N, C-alpha and C. Protein backbone atom coordinates (compact mmCIF):
# COMPACT_ATOMS: atom_id res chain seq x y z
N MET A 1 -26.64 55.77 26.27
CA MET A 1 -25.96 56.63 25.36
C MET A 1 -24.47 56.27 25.30
N LYS A 2 -23.89 56.03 26.50
CA LYS A 2 -22.48 55.65 26.52
C LYS A 2 -22.28 54.30 25.83
N ALA A 3 -23.25 53.40 25.99
CA ALA A 3 -23.15 52.08 25.36
C ALA A 3 -23.20 52.21 23.85
N ALA A 4 -24.05 53.08 23.33
CA ALA A 4 -24.16 53.28 21.89
C ALA A 4 -22.87 53.86 21.34
N ALA A 5 -22.25 54.77 22.07
CA ALA A 5 -20.99 55.37 21.63
C ALA A 5 -19.88 54.33 21.63
N ALA A 6 -19.87 53.45 22.63
CA ALA A 6 -18.86 52.40 22.71
C ALA A 6 -19.02 51.42 21.55
N VAL A 7 -20.26 51.07 21.23
CA VAL A 7 -20.53 50.16 20.11
C VAL A 7 -20.07 50.80 18.81
N ALA A 8 -20.31 52.09 18.64
CA ALA A 8 -19.91 52.79 17.43
C ALA A 8 -18.40 52.82 17.29
N VAL A 9 -17.68 53.06 18.39
CA VAL A 9 -16.22 53.09 18.36
C VAL A 9 -15.67 51.71 18.00
N VAL A 10 -16.22 50.66 18.60
CA VAL A 10 -15.77 49.30 18.32
C VAL A 10 -16.05 48.94 16.86
N THR A 11 -17.20 49.32 16.34
CA THR A 11 -17.56 49.03 14.95
C THR A 11 -16.61 49.74 13.99
N ILE A 12 -16.33 51.01 14.26
CA ILE A 12 -15.42 51.77 13.40
C ILE A 12 -14.02 51.14 13.42
N ALA A 13 -13.56 50.71 14.60
CA ALA A 13 -12.24 50.09 14.72
C ALA A 13 -12.20 48.76 13.95
N ALA A 14 -13.27 47.98 14.03
CA ALA A 14 -13.32 46.70 13.33
C ALA A 14 -13.31 46.90 11.82
N VAL A 15 -14.07 47.86 11.32
CA VAL A 15 -14.12 48.13 9.88
C VAL A 15 -12.77 48.64 9.40
N ALA A 16 -12.13 49.50 10.17
CA ALA A 16 -10.82 50.02 9.78
C ALA A 16 -9.77 48.90 9.76
N GLY A 17 -9.82 48.01 10.75
CA GLY A 17 -8.87 46.89 10.80
C GLY A 17 -9.07 45.95 9.63
N ALA A 18 -10.33 45.65 9.31
CA ALA A 18 -10.61 44.77 8.18
C ALA A 18 -10.17 45.41 6.88
N GLY A 19 -10.40 46.70 6.74
CA GLY A 19 -9.97 47.41 5.53
C GLY A 19 -8.46 47.36 5.36
N TYR A 20 -7.73 47.52 6.45
CA TYR A 20 -6.27 47.45 6.38
C TYR A 20 -5.81 46.06 5.94
N LEU A 21 -6.41 45.01 6.54
CA LEU A 21 -6.01 43.65 6.20
C LEU A 21 -6.30 43.32 4.74
N LEU A 22 -7.39 43.85 4.20
CA LEU A 22 -7.75 43.56 2.82
C LEU A 22 -6.94 44.35 1.81
N THR A 23 -6.42 45.50 2.19
CA THR A 23 -5.72 46.35 1.22
C THR A 23 -4.21 46.38 1.38
N ARG A 24 -3.66 45.73 2.38
CA ARG A 24 -2.21 45.76 2.56
C ARG A 24 -1.53 44.93 1.47
N PRO A 25 -0.30 45.27 1.11
CA PRO A 25 0.40 44.52 0.06
C PRO A 25 0.79 43.12 0.55
N ALA A 26 0.87 42.19 -0.40
CA ALA A 26 1.26 40.82 -0.06
C ALA A 26 2.72 40.79 0.35
N PRO A 27 3.09 39.92 1.29
CA PRO A 27 4.49 39.84 1.70
C PRO A 27 5.35 39.29 0.56
N GLU A 28 6.60 39.69 0.55
CA GLU A 28 7.55 39.22 -0.47
C GLU A 28 7.84 37.74 -0.22
N PRO A 29 7.95 36.94 -1.30
CA PRO A 29 8.28 35.52 -1.11
C PRO A 29 9.69 35.37 -0.55
N VAL A 30 9.86 34.38 0.29
CA VAL A 30 11.16 34.12 0.91
C VAL A 30 11.96 33.23 -0.03
N ALA A 31 13.19 33.64 -0.32
CA ALA A 31 14.05 32.85 -1.20
C ALA A 31 14.60 31.66 -0.43
N THR A 32 14.60 30.50 -1.07
CA THR A 32 15.16 29.30 -0.44
C THR A 32 16.44 28.95 -1.15
N THR A 33 17.32 28.27 -0.44
CA THR A 33 18.59 27.89 -1.03
C THR A 33 18.50 26.54 -1.73
N GLN A 34 17.46 25.76 -1.43
CA GLN A 34 17.32 24.45 -2.04
C GLN A 34 16.06 24.42 -2.89
N PRO A 35 16.11 23.71 -4.01
CA PRO A 35 14.89 23.58 -4.81
C PRO A 35 13.87 22.74 -4.05
N PRO A 36 12.59 22.91 -4.36
CA PRO A 36 11.58 22.11 -3.68
C PRO A 36 11.78 20.62 -3.95
N VAL A 37 11.45 19.83 -2.96
CA VAL A 37 11.59 18.38 -3.07
C VAL A 37 10.38 17.84 -3.82
N GLU A 38 10.64 17.06 -4.86
CA GLU A 38 9.55 16.46 -5.61
C GLU A 38 9.18 15.14 -4.94
N ALA A 39 7.89 14.90 -4.86
CA ALA A 39 7.42 13.66 -4.28
C ALA A 39 7.71 12.51 -5.25
N ARG A 40 8.28 11.45 -4.73
CA ARG A 40 8.53 10.28 -5.57
C ARG A 40 7.26 9.45 -5.65
N ALA A 41 6.99 8.99 -6.83
CA ALA A 41 5.81 8.15 -7.01
C ALA A 41 6.05 6.81 -6.33
N ALA A 42 5.08 6.37 -5.57
CA ALA A 42 5.18 5.07 -4.92
C ALA A 42 5.03 3.98 -5.99
N PRO A 43 5.68 2.83 -5.78
CA PRO A 43 5.56 1.77 -6.78
C PRO A 43 4.15 1.19 -6.78
N PRO A 44 3.75 0.58 -7.89
CA PRO A 44 2.46 -0.10 -7.89
C PRO A 44 2.46 -1.18 -6.82
N GLN A 45 1.29 -1.51 -6.32
CA GLN A 45 1.18 -2.55 -5.30
C GLN A 45 0.19 -3.62 -5.75
N LEU A 46 0.54 -4.86 -5.45
CA LEU A 46 -0.33 -6.00 -5.72
C LEU A 46 -0.88 -6.48 -4.39
N TYR A 47 -2.21 -6.47 -4.26
CA TYR A 47 -2.88 -6.94 -3.04
C TYR A 47 -3.59 -8.24 -3.38
N CYS A 48 -3.35 -9.28 -2.59
CA CYS A 48 -4.00 -10.57 -2.80
C CYS A 48 -4.66 -11.03 -1.51
N GLN A 49 -5.86 -11.57 -1.65
CA GLN A 49 -6.62 -12.06 -0.51
C GLN A 49 -7.10 -13.47 -0.84
N PHE A 50 -6.91 -14.38 0.11
CA PHE A 50 -7.31 -15.78 -0.08
C PHE A 50 -8.28 -16.16 1.02
N TYR A 51 -9.25 -16.99 0.68
CA TYR A 51 -10.33 -17.26 1.61
C TYR A 51 -10.66 -18.75 1.67
N VAL A 52 -11.39 -19.10 2.72
CA VAL A 52 -11.85 -20.46 2.91
C VAL A 52 -13.31 -20.52 2.50
N PHE A 53 -13.61 -21.24 1.46
CA PHE A 53 -14.96 -21.46 0.94
C PHE A 53 -15.59 -20.23 0.31
N THR A 54 -15.73 -19.12 1.03
CA THR A 54 -16.40 -17.94 0.47
C THR A 54 -15.57 -16.69 0.70
N GLU A 55 -15.84 -15.66 -0.09
CA GLU A 55 -15.10 -14.40 0.05
C GLU A 55 -15.38 -13.71 1.38
N GLN A 56 -16.46 -14.07 2.03
CA GLN A 56 -16.80 -13.43 3.31
C GLN A 56 -15.92 -13.93 4.44
N ARG A 57 -15.11 -14.95 4.17
CA ARG A 57 -14.26 -15.51 5.23
C ARG A 57 -12.80 -15.53 4.77
N PRO A 58 -12.14 -14.35 4.74
CA PRO A 58 -10.74 -14.31 4.31
C PRO A 58 -9.84 -15.07 5.27
N ARG A 59 -8.86 -15.78 4.73
CA ARG A 59 -7.90 -16.53 5.53
C ARG A 59 -6.54 -15.83 5.58
N LEU A 60 -6.09 -15.30 4.43
CA LEU A 60 -4.78 -14.66 4.32
C LEU A 60 -4.87 -13.45 3.41
N ALA A 61 -3.98 -12.48 3.65
CA ALA A 61 -3.85 -11.35 2.73
C ALA A 61 -2.37 -11.02 2.59
N PHE A 62 -1.95 -10.77 1.37
CA PHE A 62 -0.57 -10.39 1.06
C PHE A 62 -0.59 -9.02 0.40
N LEU A 63 0.46 -8.23 0.63
CA LEU A 63 0.65 -6.98 -0.08
C LEU A 63 2.09 -6.95 -0.58
N PHE A 64 2.24 -6.64 -1.88
CA PHE A 64 3.56 -6.58 -2.51
C PHE A 64 3.76 -5.22 -3.16
N ASP A 65 4.99 -4.70 -3.09
CA ASP A 65 5.40 -3.59 -3.95
C ASP A 65 5.89 -4.22 -5.24
N VAL A 66 5.49 -3.66 -6.37
CA VAL A 66 5.87 -4.22 -7.67
C VAL A 66 6.81 -3.25 -8.37
N ALA A 67 8.04 -3.69 -8.58
CA ALA A 67 9.01 -2.90 -9.33
C ALA A 67 8.99 -3.43 -10.76
N ASN A 68 8.45 -2.64 -11.67
CA ASN A 68 8.34 -3.08 -13.07
C ASN A 68 9.68 -2.94 -13.78
N THR A 69 10.58 -3.85 -13.45
CA THR A 69 11.91 -3.86 -14.06
C THR A 69 11.90 -4.80 -15.26
N GLU A 70 12.85 -4.60 -16.14
CA GLU A 70 12.97 -5.48 -17.31
C GLU A 70 13.99 -6.56 -17.00
N PRO A 71 13.88 -7.77 -17.43
CA PRO A 71 12.81 -8.29 -18.27
C PRO A 71 11.57 -8.71 -17.49
N THR A 72 11.69 -8.90 -16.17
CA THR A 72 10.50 -9.29 -15.40
C THR A 72 10.38 -8.41 -14.17
N PRO A 73 9.15 -8.19 -13.70
CA PRO A 73 8.97 -7.37 -12.49
C PRO A 73 9.48 -8.08 -11.24
N VAL A 74 9.75 -7.28 -10.22
CA VAL A 74 10.20 -7.80 -8.93
C VAL A 74 9.08 -7.53 -7.92
N PHE A 75 8.72 -8.56 -7.15
CA PHE A 75 7.65 -8.45 -6.15
C PHE A 75 8.28 -8.49 -4.77
N ARG A 76 8.19 -7.37 -4.04
CA ARG A 76 8.74 -7.29 -2.67
C ARG A 76 7.57 -7.31 -1.70
N GLN A 77 7.57 -8.31 -0.83
CA GLN A 77 6.46 -8.49 0.09
C GLN A 77 6.47 -7.42 1.17
N ARG A 78 5.33 -6.74 1.37
CA ARG A 78 5.18 -5.72 2.41
C ARG A 78 4.64 -6.36 3.69
N TYR A 79 3.63 -7.22 3.56
CA TYR A 79 3.09 -7.89 4.75
C TYR A 79 2.30 -9.12 4.36
N ILE A 80 2.06 -9.96 5.37
CA ILE A 80 1.10 -11.05 5.29
C ILE A 80 0.25 -10.94 6.54
N ALA A 81 -1.06 -11.00 6.37
CA ALA A 81 -1.99 -10.93 7.50
C ALA A 81 -2.84 -12.20 7.48
N GLU A 82 -3.04 -12.78 8.67
CA GLU A 82 -3.82 -14.01 8.78
C GLU A 82 -5.14 -13.74 9.50
N ASP A 83 -6.08 -14.67 9.34
CA ASP A 83 -7.40 -14.49 9.94
C ASP A 83 -7.38 -14.59 11.47
N ASN A 84 -6.31 -15.11 12.06
CA ASN A 84 -6.23 -15.20 13.52
C ASN A 84 -5.65 -13.93 14.15
N GLY A 85 -5.41 -12.91 13.32
CA GLY A 85 -4.89 -11.64 13.82
C GLY A 85 -3.39 -11.49 13.70
N GLU A 86 -2.68 -12.58 13.39
CA GLU A 86 -1.23 -12.48 13.22
C GLU A 86 -0.92 -11.70 11.95
N ARG A 87 0.10 -10.87 12.04
CA ARG A 87 0.51 -10.07 10.88
C ARG A 87 2.02 -9.92 10.92
N THR A 88 2.67 -10.24 9.83
CA THR A 88 4.09 -10.02 9.69
C THR A 88 4.25 -8.86 8.72
N ASP A 89 4.77 -7.76 9.23
CA ASP A 89 4.88 -6.53 8.45
C ASP A 89 6.35 -6.26 8.16
N TYR A 90 6.70 -6.26 6.89
CA TYR A 90 8.08 -6.00 6.50
C TYR A 90 8.32 -4.52 6.27
N GLY A 91 7.24 -3.76 6.13
CA GLY A 91 7.31 -2.31 6.01
C GLY A 91 8.43 -1.84 5.13
N ASP A 92 9.28 -1.00 5.69
CA ASP A 92 10.41 -0.46 4.94
C ASP A 92 11.70 -1.18 5.29
N ALA A 93 11.61 -2.47 5.54
CA ALA A 93 12.81 -3.25 5.88
C ALA A 93 13.82 -3.16 4.74
N ASP A 94 15.09 -3.26 5.10
CA ASP A 94 16.15 -3.17 4.08
C ASP A 94 16.03 -4.28 3.04
N THR A 95 15.67 -5.47 3.49
CA THR A 95 15.56 -6.60 2.56
C THR A 95 14.24 -7.33 2.77
N PRO A 96 13.14 -6.78 2.26
CA PRO A 96 11.88 -7.51 2.36
C PRO A 96 11.94 -8.76 1.47
N PRO A 97 11.16 -9.78 1.78
CA PRO A 97 11.18 -10.99 0.94
C PRO A 97 10.83 -10.65 -0.51
N GLU A 98 11.62 -11.19 -1.43
CA GLU A 98 11.33 -11.00 -2.86
C GLU A 98 10.78 -12.30 -3.43
N TRP A 99 9.72 -12.17 -4.16
CA TRP A 99 9.09 -13.31 -4.81
C TRP A 99 9.51 -13.34 -6.27
N ARG A 100 9.72 -14.55 -6.80
CA ARG A 100 10.10 -14.72 -8.20
C ARG A 100 8.85 -14.72 -9.08
N TYR A 101 8.95 -14.06 -10.22
CA TYR A 101 7.84 -13.99 -11.17
C TYR A 101 8.15 -14.88 -12.36
N ASP A 102 7.21 -15.75 -12.71
CA ASP A 102 7.39 -16.63 -13.86
C ASP A 102 6.29 -16.37 -14.88
N PRO A 103 6.61 -15.59 -15.92
CA PRO A 103 5.60 -15.29 -16.94
C PRO A 103 5.45 -16.40 -17.97
N SER A 104 6.33 -17.43 -17.92
CA SER A 104 6.31 -18.47 -18.95
C SER A 104 5.25 -19.52 -18.71
N VAL A 105 4.66 -19.56 -17.54
CA VAL A 105 3.62 -20.55 -17.25
C VAL A 105 2.25 -19.89 -17.32
N ASP A 106 1.23 -20.71 -17.52
CA ASP A 106 -0.13 -20.20 -17.54
C ASP A 106 -0.91 -20.95 -16.46
N PRO A 107 -1.40 -20.28 -15.45
CA PRO A 107 -1.39 -18.85 -15.21
C PRO A 107 -0.01 -18.38 -14.73
N ARG A 108 0.23 -17.08 -14.89
CA ARG A 108 1.48 -16.49 -14.41
C ARG A 108 1.57 -16.69 -12.91
N THR A 109 2.80 -16.85 -12.42
CA THR A 109 3.00 -17.24 -11.03
C THR A 109 4.09 -16.41 -10.37
N ILE A 110 3.85 -16.07 -9.09
CA ILE A 110 4.93 -15.55 -8.24
C ILE A 110 5.16 -16.58 -7.15
N SER A 111 6.42 -16.79 -6.77
CA SER A 111 6.71 -17.84 -5.80
C SER A 111 7.87 -17.43 -4.90
N SER A 112 7.95 -18.12 -3.76
CA SER A 112 8.99 -17.86 -2.78
C SER A 112 9.09 -19.07 -1.87
N THR A 113 9.89 -18.96 -0.83
CA THR A 113 9.92 -19.96 0.23
C THR A 113 9.62 -19.24 1.54
N ILE A 114 8.95 -19.94 2.43
CA ILE A 114 8.61 -19.37 3.74
C ILE A 114 9.02 -20.35 4.82
N MET A 115 9.16 -19.84 6.03
CA MET A 115 9.42 -20.70 7.19
C MET A 115 8.08 -21.03 7.84
N VAL A 116 7.84 -22.32 8.06
CA VAL A 116 6.59 -22.74 8.69
C VAL A 116 6.91 -23.57 9.94
N PRO A 117 6.05 -23.50 10.95
CA PRO A 117 6.31 -24.27 12.17
C PRO A 117 6.12 -25.77 11.94
N ASP A 118 6.89 -26.56 12.70
CA ASP A 118 6.71 -28.01 12.68
C ASP A 118 7.10 -28.58 14.03
N THR A 119 7.09 -29.90 14.15
CA THR A 119 7.38 -30.54 15.44
C THR A 119 8.82 -31.02 15.54
N SER A 120 9.68 -30.60 14.64
CA SER A 120 11.09 -31.01 14.69
C SER A 120 11.81 -30.25 15.80
N GLN A 121 13.06 -30.63 16.03
CA GLN A 121 13.84 -29.97 17.06
C GLN A 121 14.05 -28.49 16.72
N ALA A 122 14.19 -28.18 15.44
CA ALA A 122 14.37 -26.79 15.03
C ALA A 122 13.07 -26.00 15.19
N GLY A 123 11.95 -26.68 15.14
CA GLY A 123 10.66 -26.02 15.32
C GLY A 123 10.10 -25.37 14.07
N GLN A 124 10.85 -25.42 12.98
CA GLN A 124 10.37 -24.85 11.72
C GLN A 124 11.18 -25.39 10.55
N HIS A 125 10.64 -25.22 9.36
CA HIS A 125 11.35 -25.61 8.15
C HIS A 125 10.90 -24.74 6.98
N GLU A 126 11.70 -24.74 5.91
CA GLU A 126 11.35 -23.98 4.71
C GLU A 126 10.33 -24.74 3.89
N GLN A 127 9.46 -23.98 3.24
CA GLN A 127 8.44 -24.59 2.39
C GLN A 127 8.15 -23.66 1.21
N ASP A 128 7.93 -24.24 0.05
CA ASP A 128 7.60 -23.45 -1.13
C ASP A 128 6.19 -22.89 -1.02
N ILE A 129 6.01 -21.70 -1.58
CA ILE A 129 4.70 -21.07 -1.64
C ILE A 129 4.59 -20.38 -3.00
N ALA A 130 3.41 -20.42 -3.58
CA ALA A 130 3.21 -19.80 -4.90
C ALA A 130 1.81 -19.19 -4.97
N ILE A 131 1.71 -18.12 -5.74
CA ILE A 131 0.42 -17.50 -6.04
C ILE A 131 0.27 -17.50 -7.55
N GLN A 132 -0.80 -18.16 -8.01
CA GLN A 132 -1.10 -18.17 -9.44
C GLN A 132 -2.01 -16.99 -9.74
N LEU A 133 -1.65 -16.22 -10.76
CA LEU A 133 -2.35 -14.98 -11.11
C LEU A 133 -3.01 -15.15 -12.47
N TYR A 134 -4.32 -15.33 -12.49
CA TYR A 134 -5.06 -15.57 -13.73
C TYR A 134 -5.37 -14.23 -14.41
N GLY A 135 -4.88 -14.05 -15.64
CA GLY A 135 -5.16 -12.83 -16.38
C GLY A 135 -4.36 -11.63 -15.92
N TYR A 136 -3.23 -11.86 -15.27
CA TYR A 136 -2.43 -10.76 -14.73
C TYR A 136 -1.54 -10.14 -15.79
N GLU A 137 -1.52 -8.81 -15.84
CA GLU A 137 -0.61 -8.04 -16.70
C GLU A 137 0.19 -7.12 -15.78
N PRO A 138 1.51 -7.31 -15.67
CA PRO A 138 2.32 -6.56 -14.70
C PRO A 138 2.26 -5.05 -14.83
N LYS A 139 2.12 -4.52 -16.03
CA LYS A 139 2.17 -3.07 -16.21
C LYS A 139 0.80 -2.42 -16.21
N ARG A 140 -0.23 -3.18 -15.90
CA ARG A 140 -1.59 -2.63 -15.92
C ARG A 140 -2.08 -2.43 -14.49
N ASP A 141 -2.46 -1.19 -14.17
CA ASP A 141 -3.08 -0.90 -12.88
C ASP A 141 -4.59 -0.95 -13.06
N SER A 142 -5.29 -1.52 -12.09
CA SER A 142 -6.73 -1.61 -12.20
C SER A 142 -7.32 -1.74 -10.82
N LYS A 143 -8.50 -1.21 -10.66
CA LYS A 143 -9.20 -1.37 -9.38
C LYS A 143 -9.98 -2.67 -9.36
N ALA A 144 -10.05 -3.34 -10.50
CA ALA A 144 -10.81 -4.59 -10.60
C ALA A 144 -9.96 -5.76 -10.09
N PHE A 145 -10.61 -6.63 -9.35
CA PHE A 145 -9.94 -7.84 -8.88
C PHE A 145 -9.89 -8.87 -10.01
N PHE A 146 -8.88 -9.73 -9.97
CA PHE A 146 -8.81 -10.87 -10.88
C PHE A 146 -8.55 -12.11 -10.05
N GLU A 147 -8.84 -13.26 -10.63
CA GLU A 147 -8.76 -14.53 -9.91
C GLU A 147 -7.31 -14.90 -9.60
N ALA A 148 -7.12 -15.52 -8.43
CA ALA A 148 -5.80 -15.98 -8.00
C ALA A 148 -5.96 -17.25 -7.17
N SER A 149 -4.89 -18.02 -7.05
CA SER A 149 -4.89 -19.23 -6.23
C SER A 149 -3.60 -19.30 -5.44
N LEU A 150 -3.70 -19.66 -4.17
CA LEU A 150 -2.53 -19.85 -3.32
C LEU A 150 -2.20 -21.33 -3.30
N LYS A 151 -0.94 -21.66 -3.52
CA LYS A 151 -0.49 -23.05 -3.50
C LYS A 151 0.57 -23.20 -2.42
N ASN A 152 0.20 -23.90 -1.32
CA ASN A 152 1.11 -24.10 -0.21
C ASN A 152 0.56 -25.18 0.70
N ILE A 153 1.44 -26.00 1.26
CA ILE A 153 0.98 -27.08 2.15
C ILE A 153 0.53 -26.51 3.48
N HIS A 154 1.30 -25.60 4.07
CA HIS A 154 0.97 -25.06 5.39
C HIS A 154 -0.35 -24.28 5.38
N TYR A 155 -0.50 -23.38 4.44
CA TYR A 155 -1.72 -22.57 4.37
C TYR A 155 -2.83 -23.26 3.58
N GLN A 156 -2.52 -24.36 2.96
CA GLN A 156 -3.42 -25.12 2.10
C GLN A 156 -3.57 -24.42 0.76
N ASN A 157 -4.20 -25.09 -0.16
CA ASN A 157 -4.47 -24.49 -1.46
C ASN A 157 -5.77 -23.72 -1.33
N LEU A 158 -5.69 -22.41 -1.50
CA LEU A 158 -6.86 -21.56 -1.26
C LEU A 158 -7.20 -20.74 -2.50
N PRO A 159 -8.50 -20.58 -2.77
CA PRO A 159 -8.91 -19.67 -3.84
C PRO A 159 -8.79 -18.24 -3.35
N GLY A 160 -8.69 -17.31 -4.29
CA GLY A 160 -8.60 -15.92 -3.88
C GLY A 160 -8.73 -14.97 -5.04
N LYS A 161 -8.33 -13.74 -4.76
CA LYS A 161 -8.38 -12.70 -5.77
C LYS A 161 -7.29 -11.68 -5.48
N CYS A 162 -6.84 -11.00 -6.52
CA CYS A 162 -5.80 -9.98 -6.41
C CYS A 162 -6.19 -8.77 -7.24
N ARG A 163 -5.54 -7.67 -6.94
CA ARG A 163 -5.63 -6.49 -7.80
C ARG A 163 -4.35 -5.68 -7.65
N GLN A 164 -4.00 -5.02 -8.75
CA GLN A 164 -2.81 -4.17 -8.73
C GLN A 164 -3.24 -2.74 -8.95
N ALA A 165 -2.73 -1.87 -8.10
CA ALA A 165 -3.08 -0.46 -8.21
C ALA A 165 -1.84 0.38 -7.98
N ALA A 166 -1.89 1.62 -8.45
CA ALA A 166 -0.78 2.54 -8.22
C ALA A 166 -0.60 2.72 -6.72
N GLY A 167 0.65 2.78 -6.28
CA GLY A 167 0.96 2.88 -4.85
C GLY A 167 0.63 4.18 -4.23
């Protein structure tokens, strides 16, 4: 009997508490002194992957932020990843490598210079590198890959594919 009375008291208290929570007025909004911060849209990104013989064996991957400036876009390299696990990540560096875009050639090309190891006393030297982009349109975002080719002595000339998507 005492147990039934205790259960009844607990049930009544729970129902009363739930009723209060459901019917109480909403709290007043807190005024802020600063306007809300708007999220800045990330720049489009160009991802390129190059492989040896087949797509199942990727050799290199590049990621670029694309600033669609006039008259030509600017390509800022975010990282390069190799099949041996090495990765150079420029992340949010103040001056990531910028690649030059040449829309006057067919296929369109982005190019730069890189430091590659050698057997000289300095242990490295500069070398040209280029990515040919077949059917590339700078202002078009797409999830579809398009054909690309890497042109470089150190990494060899490799077939590949790229795609540009919103960042």
